[in-house]
Amino acid sequence: MPATEARSVVVFHTTSAAIKADKAARQAGLETRLVPTPRHLSSDCGLALRFARVDRAKMEALLREAGVEPAGIHDL
């Protein structure tokens, strides 16, 4: 993911949900990275999943299919 590419993050309620989502996204071929959750977005879980903003629809579908309930999806 180029440094200039617009990004988004998925915020989760639990660390296990973040790890499950990351694994599912990678298996689906999405380029993701687990990052510390920005404090202005949430304090529930310390991990967020960063991905390219253009993949937002794919990420939303993937989360539904994997049965992962995000706390939110935010553009950076």
C-alpha atoms as a PDB file:
ATOM      1  CA  MET A   1       0.000   0.000   0.000  1.00  0.00           C
ATOM      2  CA  PRO A   2       1.718   3.217  -1.114  1.00  0.00           C
ATOM      3  CA  ALA A   3       2.172   5.876   1.578  1.00  0.00           C
ATOM      4  CA  THR A   4       0.089   8.370  -0.425  1.00  0.00           C
ATOM      5  CA  GLU A   5      -2.877   6.018  -0.856  1.00  0.00           C
ATOM      6  CA  ALA A   6      -6.053   6.946   1.045  1.00  0.00           C
ATOM      7  CA  ARG A   7      -6.613   4.557   3.935  1.00  0.00           C
ATOM      8  CA  SER A   8      -9.340   3.495   6.313  1.00  0.00           C
ATOM      9  CA  VAL A   9      -9.368   1.509   9.544  1.00  0.00           C
ATOM     10  CA  VAL A  10     -11.750  -0.994  11.036  1.00  0.00           C
ATOM     11  CA  VAL A  11     -12.084  -0.623  14.804  1.00  0.00           C
ATOM     12  CA  PHE A  12     -13.103  -3.640  16.887  1.00  0.00           C
ATOM     13  CA  HIS A  13     -14.529  -4.423  20.313  1.00  0.00           C
ATOM     14  CA  THR A  14     -11.997  -7.221  20.947  1.00  0.00           C
ATOM     15  CA  THR A  15      -8.475  -8.163  19.928  1.00  0.00           C
ATOM     16  CA  SER A  16      -9.641 -11.600  18.789  1.00  0.00           C
ATOM     17  CA  ALA A  17     -12.082  -9.968  16.345  1.00  0.00           C
ATOM     18  CA  ALA A  18      -9.260  -7.835  14.921  1.00  0.00           C
ATOM     19  CA  ILE A  19      -7.046 -10.870  14.400  1.00  0.00           C
ATOM     20  CA  LYS A  20      -9.888 -12.887  12.844  1.00  0.00           C
ATOM     21  CA  ALA A  21     -10.684 -10.037  10.438  1.00  0.00           C
ATOM     22  CA  ASP A  22      -7.022  -9.619   9.472  1.00  0.00           C
ATOM     23  CA  LYS A  23      -6.704 -13.328   8.723  1.00  0.00           C
ATOM     24  CA  ALA A  24      -9.894 -13.351   6.626  1.00  0.00           C
ATOM     25  CA  ALA A  25      -8.835 -10.225   4.717  1.00  0.00           C
ATOM     26  CA  ARG A  26      -5.407 -11.623   3.887  1.00  0.00           C
ATOM     27  CA  GLN A  27      -6.934 -14.915   2.721  1.00  0.00           C
ATOM     28  CA  ALA A  28      -9.219 -12.872   0.452  1.00  0.00           C
ATOM     29  CA  GLY A  29      -6.199 -11.082  -1.026  1.00  0.00           C
ATOM     30  CA  LEU A  30      -6.699  -7.671   0.598  1.00  0.00           C
ATOM     31  CA  GLU A  31      -3.604  -5.809   1.711  1.00  0.00           C
ATOM     32  CA  THR A  32      -4.094  -5.040   5.403  1.00  0.00           C
ATOM     33  CA  ARG A  33      -2.080  -4.187   8.472  1.00  0.00           C
ATOM     34  CA  LEU A  34      -2.910  -4.462  12.163  1.00  0.00           C
ATOM     35  CA  VAL A  35      -2.135  -1.097  13.763  1.00  0.00           C
ATOM     36  CA  PRO A  36      -2.725   0.522  17.160  1.00  0.00           C
ATOM     37  CA  THR A  37      -6.263   1.899  17.353  1.00  0.00           C
ATOM     38  CA  PRO A  38      -6.218   5.696  17.094  1.00  0.00           C
ATOM     39  CA  ARG A  39      -7.368   6.915  20.539  1.00  0.00           C
ATOM     40  CA  HIS A  40      -9.735   9.490  19.038  1.00  0.00           C
ATOM     41  CA  LEU A  41     -11.683   6.613  17.439  1.00  0.00           C
ATOM     42  CA  SER A  42     -11.992   4.082  20.269  1.00  0.00           C
ATOM     43  CA  SER A  43     -10.535   2.802  23.497  1.00  0.00           C
ATOM     44  CA  ASP A  44     -12.270  -0.625  23.419  1.00  0.00           C
ATOM     45  CA  CYS A  45      -9.583  -2.623  21.645  1.00  0.00           C
ATOM     46  CA  GLY A  46      -5.946  -1.741  21.122  1.00  0.00           C
ATOM     47  CA  LEU A  47      -5.847  -3.062  17.542  1.00  0.00           C
ATOM     48  CA  ALA A  48      -7.389  -1.723  14.356  1.00  0.00           C
ATOM     49  CA  LEU A  49      -7.148  -3.066  10.819  1.00  0.00           C
ATOM     50  CA  ARG A  50      -5.820  -0.586   8.238  1.00  0.00           C
ATOM     51  CA  PHE A  51      -6.645  -1.067   4.562  1.00  0.00           C
ATOM     52  CA  ALA A  52      -6.858   0.873   1.298  1.00  0.00           C
ATOM     53  CA  ARG A  53      -9.985   3.056   1.229  1.00  0.00           C
ATOM     54  CA  VAL A  54     -10.854   1.823  -2.274  1.00  0.00           C
ATOM     55  CA  ASP A  55     -11.387  -1.649  -0.750  1.00  0.00           C
ATOM     56  CA  ARG A  56     -14.052  -0.489   1.736  1.00  0.00           C
ATOM     57  CA  ALA A  57     -16.973  -2.331   0.099  1.00  0.00           C
ATOM     58  CA  LYS A  58     -14.895  -5.516  -0.090  1.00  0.00           C
ATOM     59  CA  MET A  59     -13.910  -5.141   3.564  1.00  0.00           C
ATOM     60  CA  GLU A  60     -17.518  -4.630   4.682  1.00  0.00           C
ATOM     61  CA  ALA A  61     -18.623  -7.750   2.781  1.00  0.00           C
ATOM     62  CA  LEU A  62     -15.704  -9.767   4.115  1.00  0.00           C
ATOM     63  CA  LEU A  63     -16.505  -8.809   7.723  1.00  0.00           C
ATOM     64  CA  ARG A  64     -20.136  -9.903   7.251  1.00  0.00           C
ATOM     65  CA  GLU A  65     -19.065 -13.221   5.715  1.00  0.00           C
ATOM     66  CA  ALA A  66     -16.531 -13.845   8.507  1.00  0.00           C
ATOM     67  CA  GLY A  67     -19.111 -13.034  11.186  1.00  0.00           C
ATOM     68  CA  VAL A  68     -17.016 -10.211  12.631  1.00  0.00           C
ATOM     69  CA  GLU A  69     -18.911  -7.254  14.119  1.00  0.00           C
ATOM     70  CA  PRO A  70     -16.788  -4.095  13.836  1.00  0.00           C
ATOM     71  CA  ALA A  71     -17.125  -1.202  16.268  1.00  0.00           C
ATOM     72  CA  GLY A  72     -16.776   1.069  13.241  1.00  0.00           C
ATOM     73  CA  ILE A  73     -15.029   1.770   9.950  1.00  0.00           C
ATOM     74  CA  HIS A  74     -13.330   5.151   9.664  1.00  0.00           C
ATOM     75  CA  ASP A  75     -11.468   7.002   6.927  1.00  0.00           C
ATOM     76  CA  LEU A  76      -8.047   8.332   7.908  1.00  0.00           C
END
